[in-house]
Amino acid sequence: MSKKVSITLDEEVLEFVDRSSRNRSNYINEVLLREKKKSLLKELEDAYKEQSEDPEFLEEIAVWDVAVGDGLDA
């Protein structure tokens, strides 16, 4: 779903947008969606890093690693 908004851009930025694309809205949306994705990936990376340093979590994973392999050769 799209919403129409009014924004103010510096002249220099607007000239860049106009040189880069024929459709301002599409171009700005693409740029912002890339930035959103980059931000989400950074958050995910930080969460994984935090998780990998959590002793409680690591202990739980170690228990599951043992349980997963238990009885596979039988």
PDB file of N, CA and C in Angstrom:
ATOM      1  N   MET A   1       0.846  -1.173   0.000  1.00  0.00           N
ATOM      2  CA  MET A   1       0.000   0.000   0.000  1.00  0.00           C
ATOM      3  C   MET A   1       0.894   1.239   0.000  1.00  0.00           C
ATOM      4  N   SER A   2       0.531   2.187  -0.775  1.00  0.00           N
ATOM      5  CA  SER A   2       1.308   3.418  -0.875  1.00  0.00           C
ATOM      6  C   SER A   2       0.535   4.577  -0.279  1.00  0.00           C
ATOM      7  N   LYS A   3       1.270   5.533   0.241  1.00  0.00           N
ATOM      8  CA  LYS A   3       0.662   6.755   0.767  1.00  0.00           C
ATOM      9  C   LYS A   3       1.383   7.932   0.149  1.00  0.00           C
ATOM     10  N   LYS A   4       0.629   8.905  -0.219  1.00  0.00           N
ATOM     11  CA  LYS A   4       1.204  10.107  -0.787  1.00  0.00           C
ATOM     12  C   LYS A   4       1.647  11.017   0.356  1.00  0.00           C
ATOM     13  N   VAL A   5       2.908  11.476   0.276  1.00  0.00           N
ATOM     14  CA  VAL A   5       3.452  12.378   1.286  1.00  0.00           C
ATOM     15  C   VAL A   5       4.152  13.531   0.589  1.00  0.00           C
ATOM     16  N   SER A   6       4.299  14.581   1.316  1.00  0.00           N
ATOM     17  CA  SER A   6       5.015  15.734   0.797  1.00  0.00           C
ATOM     18  C   SER A   6       6.341  15.838   1.545  1.00  0.00           C
ATOM     19  N   ILE A   7       7.438  15.917   0.796  1.00  0.00           N
ATOM     20  CA  ILE A   7       8.750  16.051   1.419  1.00  0.00           C
ATOM     21  C   ILE A   7       9.492  17.217   0.775  1.00  0.00           C
ATOM     22  N   THR A   8      10.480  17.681   1.479  1.00  0.00           N
ATOM     23  CA  THR A   8      11.316  18.758   0.964  1.00  0.00           C
ATOM     24  C   THR A   8      12.720  18.208   0.751  1.00  0.00           C
ATOM     25  N   LEU A   9      13.250  18.384  -0.460  1.00  0.00           N
ATOM     26  CA  LEU A   9      14.588  17.925  -0.791  1.00  0.00           C
ATOM     27  C   LEU A   9      15.462  19.113  -1.154  1.00  0.00           C
ATOM     28  N   ASP A  10      16.739  18.989  -0.823  1.00  0.00           N
ATOM     29  CA  ASP A  10      17.686  19.998  -1.284  1.00  0.00           C
ATOM     30  C   ASP A  10      17.700  19.983  -2.810  1.00  0.00           C
ATOM     31  N   GLU A  11      17.961  21.124  -3.409  1.00  0.00           N
ATOM     32  CA  GLU A  11      18.010  21.202  -4.874  1.00  0.00           C
ATOM     33  C   GLU A  11      19.009  20.209  -5.446  1.00  0.00           C
ATOM     34  N   GLU A  12      20.160  20.136  -4.821  1.00  0.00           N
ATOM     35  CA  GLU A  12      21.206  19.226  -5.290  1.00  0.00           C
ATOM     36  C   GLU A  12      20.731  17.774  -5.264  1.00  0.00           C
ATOM     37  N   VAL A  13      20.041  17.401  -4.206  1.00  0.00           N
ATOM     38  CA  VAL A  13      19.518  16.036  -4.079  1.00  0.00           C
ATOM     39  C   VAL A  13      18.461  15.784  -5.142  1.00  0.00           C
ATOM     40  N   LEU A  14      17.575  16.735  -5.340  1.00  0.00           N
ATOM     41  CA  LEU A  14      16.522  16.574  -6.344  1.00  0.00           C
ATOM     42  C   LEU A  14      17.117  16.440  -7.741  1.00  0.00           C
ATOM     43  N   GLU A  15      18.144  17.214  -8.040  1.00  0.00           N
ATOM     44  CA  GLU A  15      18.801  17.103  -9.344  1.00  0.00           C
ATOM     45  C   GLU A  15      19.401  15.711  -9.516  1.00  0.00           C
ATOM     46  N   PHE A  16      20.004  15.204  -8.454  1.00  0.00           N
ATOM     47  CA  PHE A  16      20.565  13.855  -8.501  1.00  0.00           C
ATOM     48  C   PHE A  16      19.472  12.815  -8.761  1.00  0.00           C
ATOM     49  N   VAL A  17      18.374  12.922  -8.043  1.00  0.00           N
ATOM     50  CA  VAL A  17      17.259  11.985  -8.225  1.00  0.00           C
ATOM     51  C   VAL A  17      16.763  12.048  -9.660  1.00  0.00           C
ATOM     52  N   ASP A  18      16.598  13.252 -10.181  1.00  0.00           N
ATOM     53  CA  ASP A  18      16.094  13.410 -11.546  1.00  0.00           C
ATOM     54  C   ASP A  18      17.079  12.865 -12.585  1.00  0.00           C
ATOM     55  N   ARG A  19      18.374  12.969 -12.325  1.00  0.00           N
ATOM     56  CA  ARG A  19      19.374  12.399 -13.244  1.00  0.00           C
ATOM     57  C   ARG A  19      19.382  10.875 -13.165  1.00  0.00           C
ATOM     58  N   SER A  20      19.030  10.352 -12.003  1.00  0.00           N
ATOM     59  CA  SER A  20      19.122   8.915 -11.762  1.00  0.00           C
ATOM     60  C   SER A  20      17.897   8.131 -12.213  1.00  0.00           C
ATOM     61  N   SER A  21      16.777   8.804 -12.322  1.00  0.00           N
ATOM     62  CA  SER A  21      15.548   8.074 -12.631  1.00  0.00           C
ATOM     63  C   SER A  21      14.504   9.008 -13.237  1.00  0.00           C
ATOM     64  N   ARG A  22      13.635   8.413 -14.022  1.00  0.00           N
ATOM     65  CA  ARG A  22      12.524   9.189 -14.572  1.00  0.00           C
ATOM     66  C   ARG A  22      11.361   9.272 -13.592  1.00  0.00           C
ATOM     67  N   ASN A  23      11.351   8.352 -12.630  1.00  0.00           N
ATOM     68  CA  ASN A  23      10.258   8.308 -11.667  1.00  0.00           C
ATOM     69  C   ASN A  23      10.817   8.562 -10.268  1.00  0.00           C
ATOM     70  N   ARG A  24      10.610   9.749  -9.767  1.00  0.00           N
ATOM     71  CA  ARG A  24      11.151  10.135  -8.459  1.00  0.00           C
ATOM     72  C   ARG A  24      10.686   9.203  -7.351  1.00  0.00           C
ATOM     73  N   SER A  25       9.398   8.936  -7.325  1.00  0.00           N
ATOM     74  CA  SER A  25       8.838   8.107  -6.242  1.00  0.00           C
ATOM     75  C   SER A  25       9.461   6.719  -6.230  1.00  0.00           C
ATOM     76  N   ASN A  26       9.540   6.097  -7.395  1.00  0.00           N
ATOM     77  CA  ASN A  26      10.139   4.755  -7.451  1.00  0.00           C
ATOM     78  C   ASN A  26      11.582   4.780  -6.994  1.00  0.00           C
ATOM     79  N   TYR A  27      12.329   5.758  -7.442  1.00  0.00           N
ATOM     80  CA  TYR A  27      13.739   5.839  -7.084  1.00  0.00           C
ATOM     81  C   TYR A  27      13.902   6.015  -5.574  1.00  0.00           C
ATOM     82  N   ILE A  28      13.174   6.942  -5.007  1.00  0.00           N
ATOM     83  CA  ILE A  28      13.274   7.198  -3.563  1.00  0.00           C
ATOM     84  C   ILE A  28      12.831   5.973  -2.776  1.00  0.00           C
ATOM     85  N   ASN A  29      11.773   5.311  -3.223  1.00  0.00           N
ATOM     86  CA  ASN A  29      11.322   4.085  -2.561  1.00  0.00           C
ATOM     87  C   ASN A  29      12.391   3.004  -2.617  1.00  0.00           C
ATOM     88  N   GLU A  30      13.027   2.817  -3.766  1.00  0.00           N
ATOM     89  CA  GLU A  30      14.067   1.799  -3.898  1.00  0.00           C
ATOM     90  C   GLU A  30      15.239   2.092  -2.959  1.00  0.00           C
ATOM     91  N   VAL A  31      15.655   3.349  -2.908  1.00  0.00           N
ATOM     92  CA  VAL A  31      16.762   3.726  -2.038  1.00  0.00           C
ATOM     93  C   VAL A  31      16.398   3.463  -0.576  1.00  0.00           C
ATOM     94  N   LEU A  32      15.215   3.873  -0.176  1.00  0.00           N
ATOM     95  CA  LEU A  32      14.807   3.692   1.220  1.00  0.00           C
ATOM     96  C   LEU A  32      14.595   2.223   1.568  1.00  0.00           C
ATOM     97  N   LEU A  33      14.088   1.437   0.639  1.00  0.00           N
ATOM     98  CA  LEU A  33      13.937  -0.001   0.904  1.00  0.00           C
ATOM     99  C   LEU A  33      15.292  -0.679   1.064  1.00  0.00           C
ATOM    100  N   ARG A  34      16.292  -0.265   0.270  1.00  0.00           N
ATOM    101  CA  ARG A  34      17.646  -0.804   0.439  1.00  0.00           C
ATOM    102  C   ARG A  34      18.197  -0.443   1.809  1.00  0.00           C
ATOM    103  N   GLU A  35      17.973   0.787   2.229  1.00  0.00           N
ATOM    104  CA  GLU A  35      18.448   1.220   3.544  1.00  0.00           C
ATOM    105  C   GLU A  35      17.738   0.463   4.664  1.00  0.00           C
ATOM    106  N   LYS A  36      16.449   0.230   4.481  1.00  0.00           N
ATOM    107  CA  LYS A  36      15.690  -0.535   5.474  1.00  0.00           C
ATOM    108  C   LYS A  36      16.254  -1.951   5.584  1.00  0.00           C
ATOM    109  N   LYS A  37      16.524  -2.576   4.437  1.00  0.00           N
ATOM    110  CA  LYS A  37      17.073  -3.932   4.433  1.00  0.00           C
ATOM    111  C   LYS A  37      18.439  -3.950   5.110  1.00  0.00           C
ATOM    112  N   LYS A  38      19.274  -2.958   4.795  1.00  0.00           N
ATOM    113  CA  LYS A  38      20.600  -2.875   5.402  1.00  0.00           C
ATOM    114  C   LYS A  38      20.485  -2.742   6.921  1.00  0.00           C
ATOM    115  N   SER A  39      19.540  -1.941   7.372  1.00  0.00           N
ATOM    116  CA  SER A  39      19.329  -1.742   8.804  1.00  0.00           C
ATOM    117  C   SER A  39      18.860  -3.033   9.479  1.00  0.00           C
ATOM    118  N   LEU A  40      17.928  -3.733   8.843  1.00  0.00           N
ATOM    119  CA  LEU A  40      17.428  -4.990   9.408  1.00  0.00           C
ATOM    120  C   LEU A  40      18.535  -6.044   9.460  1.00  0.00           C
ATOM    121  N   LEU A  41      19.359  -6.111   8.416  1.00  0.00           N
ATOM    122  CA  LEU A  41      20.463  -7.070   8.416  1.00  0.00           C
ATOM    123  C   LEU A  41      21.474  -6.748   9.516  1.00  0.00           C
ATOM    124  N   LYS A  42      21.718  -5.475   9.764  1.00  0.00           N
ATOM    125  CA  LYS A  42      22.621  -5.063  10.836  1.00  0.00           C
ATOM    126  C   LYS A  42      22.044  -5.470  12.197  1.00  0.00           C
ATOM    127  N   GLU A  43      20.741  -5.259  12.377  1.00  0.00           N
ATOM    128  CA  GLU A  43      20.087  -5.672  13.627  1.00  0.00           C
ATOM    129  C   GLU A  43      20.197  -7.184  13.823  1.00  0.00           C
ATOM    130  N   LEU A  44      19.999  -7.934  12.741  1.00  0.00           N
ATOM    131  CA  LEU A  44      20.092  -9.385  12.813  1.00  0.00           C
ATOM    132  C   LEU A  44      21.517  -9.820  13.153  1.00  0.00           C
ATOM    133  N   GLU A  45      22.498  -9.188  12.510  1.00  0.00           N
ATOM    134  CA  GLU A  45      23.899  -9.481  12.799  1.00  0.00           C
ATOM    135  C   GLU A  45      24.219  -9.213  14.272  1.00  0.00           C
ATOM    136  N   ASP A  46      23.745  -8.077  14.781  1.00  0.00           N
ATOM    137  CA  ASP A  46      23.983  -7.737  16.185  1.00  0.00           C
ATOM    138  C   ASP A  46      23.323  -8.755  17.117  1.00  0.00           C
ATOM    139  N   ALA A  47      22.122  -9.194  16.762  1.00  0.00           N
ATOM    140  CA  ALA A  47      21.415 -10.169  17.595  1.00  0.00           C
ATOM    141  C   ALA A  47      22.153 -11.507  17.613  1.00  0.00           C
ATOM    142  N   TYR A  48      22.644 -11.944  16.434  1.00  0.00           N
ATOM    143  CA  TYR A  48      23.411 -13.191  16.383  1.00  0.00           C
ATOM    144  C   TYR A  48      24.698 -13.078  17.188  1.00  0.00           C
ATOM    145  N   LYS A  49      25.348 -11.929  17.095  1.00  0.00           N
ATOM    146  CA  LYS A  49      26.597 -11.719  17.846  1.00  0.00           C
ATOM    147  C   LYS A  49      26.310 -11.778  19.349  1.00  0.00           C
ATOM    148  N   GLU A  50      25.250 -11.106  19.776  1.00  0.00           N
ATOM    149  CA  GLU A  50      24.868 -11.110  21.188  1.00  0.00           C
ATOM    150  C   GLU A  50      24.538 -12.531  21.639  1.00  0.00           C
ATOM    151  N   GLN A  51      23.807 -13.250  20.805  1.00  0.00           N
ATOM    152  CA  GLN A  51      23.418 -14.621  21.124  1.00  0.00           C
ATOM    153  C   GLN A  51      24.647 -15.522  21.255  1.00  0.00           C
ATOM    154  N   SER A  52      25.628 -15.319  20.374  1.00  0.00           N
ATOM    155  CA  SER A  52      26.825 -16.175  20.403  1.00  0.00           C
ATOM    156  C   SER A  52      27.699 -15.912  21.618  1.00  0.00           C
ATOM    157  N   GLU A  53      27.444 -14.811  22.324  1.00  0.00           N
ATOM    158  CA  GLU A  53      28.213 -14.481  23.517  1.00  0.00           C
ATOM    159  C   GLU A  53      27.426 -14.734  24.806  1.00  0.00           C
ATOM    160  N   ASP A  54      26.223 -15.304  24.665  1.00  0.00           N
ATOM    161  CA  ASP A  54      25.351 -15.562  25.810  1.00  0.00           C
ATOM    162  C   ASP A  54      25.635 -16.966  26.351  1.00  0.00           C
ATOM    163  N   PRO A  55      26.256 -17.065  27.540  1.00  0.00           N
ATOM    164  CA  PRO A  55      26.627 -18.382  28.077  1.00  0.00           C
ATOM    165  C   PRO A  55      25.426 -19.302  28.300  1.00  0.00           C
ATOM    166  N   GLU A  56      24.311 -18.744  28.719  1.00  0.00           N
ATOM    167  CA  GLU A  56      23.107 -19.550  28.928  1.00  0.00           C
ATOM    168  C   GLU A  56      22.638 -20.179  27.622  1.00  0.00           C
ATOM    169  N   PHE A  57      22.614 -19.380  26.573  1.00  0.00           N
ATOM    170  CA  PHE A  57      22.194 -19.872  25.253  1.00  0.00           C
ATOM    171  C   PHE A  57      23.172 -20.939  24.756  1.00  0.00           C
ATOM    172  N   LEU A  58      24.460 -20.683  24.893  1.00  0.00           N
ATOM    173  CA  LEU A  58      25.466 -21.632  24.422  1.00  0.00           C
ATOM    174  C   LEU A  58      25.363 -22.968  25.156  1.00  0.00           C
ATOM    175  N   GLU A  59      25.059 -22.907  26.444  1.00  0.00           N
ATOM    176  CA  GLU A  59      24.875 -24.139  27.217  1.00  0.00           C
ATOM    177  C   GLU A  59      23.657 -24.922  26.703  1.00  0.00           C
ATOM    178  N   GLU A  60      22.596 -24.210  26.436  1.00  0.00           N
ATOM    179  CA  GLU A  60      21.378 -24.852  25.905  1.00  0.00           C
ATOM    180  C   GLU A  60      21.647 -25.504  24.550  1.00  0.00           C
ATOM    181  N   ILE A  61      22.376 -24.832  23.694  1.00  0.00           N
ATOM    182  CA  ILE A  61      22.707 -25.378  22.375  1.00  0.00           C
ATOM    183  C   ILE A  61      23.567 -26.632  22.522  1.00  0.00           C
ATOM    184  N   ALA A  62      24.500 -26.600  23.451  1.00  0.00           N
ATOM    185  CA  ALA A  62      25.360 -27.767  23.675  1.00  0.00           C
ATOM    186  C   ALA A  62      24.528 -28.982  24.085  1.00  0.00           C
ATOM    187  N   VAL A  63      23.534 -28.774  24.935  1.00  0.00           N
ATOM    188  CA  VAL A  63      22.651 -29.866  25.349  1.00  0.00           C
ATOM    189  C   VAL A  63      21.897 -30.415  24.140  1.00  0.00           C
ATOM    190  N   TRP A  64      21.386 -29.526  23.301  1.00  0.00           N
ATOM    191  CA  TRP A  64      20.644 -29.975  22.119  1.00  0.00           C
ATOM    192  C   TRP A  64      21.560 -30.660  21.108  1.00  0.00           C
ATOM    193  N   ASP A  65      22.800 -30.211  20.982  1.00  0.00           N
ATOM    194  CA  ASP A  65      23.736 -30.861  20.065  1.00  0.00           C
ATOM    195  C   ASP A  65      23.954 -32.322  20.458  1.00  0.00           C
ATOM    196  N   VAL A  66      24.028 -32.584  21.748  1.00  0.00           N
ATOM    197  CA  VAL A  66      24.184 -33.960  22.225  1.00  0.00           C
ATOM    198  C   VAL A  66      22.923 -34.764  21.927  1.00  0.00           C
ATOM    199  N   ALA A  67      21.764 -34.160  22.207  1.00  0.00           N
ATOM    200  CA  ALA A  67      20.494 -34.869  22.004  1.00  0.00           C
ATOM    201  C   ALA A  67      20.231 -35.158  20.529  1.00  0.00           C
ATOM    202  N   VAL A  68      20.603 -34.283  19.652  1.00  0.00           N
ATOM    203  CA  VAL A  68      20.365 -34.473  18.224  1.00  0.00           C
ATOM    204  C   VAL A  68      21.140 -35.674  17.701  1.00  0.00           C
ATOM    205  N   GLY A  69      22.356 -35.843  18.156  1.00  0.00           N
ATOM    206  CA  GLY A  69      23.184 -36.953  17.688  1.00  0.00           C
ATOM    207  C   GLY A  69      22.928 -38.265  18.404  1.00  0.00           C
ATOM    208  N   ASP A  70      22.167 -38.240  19.463  1.00  0.00           N
ATOM    209  CA  ASP A  70      21.934 -39.425  20.283  1.00  0.00           C
ATOM    210  C   ASP A  70      21.109 -40.455  19.519  1.00  0.00           C
ATOM    211  N   GLY A  71      21.688 -41.636  19.324  1.00  0.00           N
ATOM    212  CA  GLY A  71      20.957 -42.738  18.730  1.00  0.00           C
ATOM    213  C   GLY A  71      20.920 -42.743  17.222  1.00  0.00           C
ATOM    214  N   LEU A  72      21.635 -41.891  16.555  1.00  0.00           N
ATOM    215  CA  LEU A  72      21.593 -41.861  15.099  1.00  0.00           C
ATOM    216  C   LEU A  72      22.247 -43.094  14.471  1.00  0.00           C
ATOM    217  N   ASP A  73      23.248 -43.649  15.134  1.00  0.00           N
ATOM    218  CA  ASP A  73      23.940 -44.807  14.587  1.00  0.00           C
ATOM    219  C   ASP A  73      23.182 -46.111  14.831  1.00  0.00           C
ATOM    220  N   ALA A  74      22.188 -46.088  15.669  1.00  0.00           N
ATOM    221  CA  ALA A  74      21.475 -47.315  16.045  1.00  0.00           C
ATOM    222  C   ALA A  74      20.673 -47.897  14.929  1.00  0.00           C
TER     223      ALA A  74
END
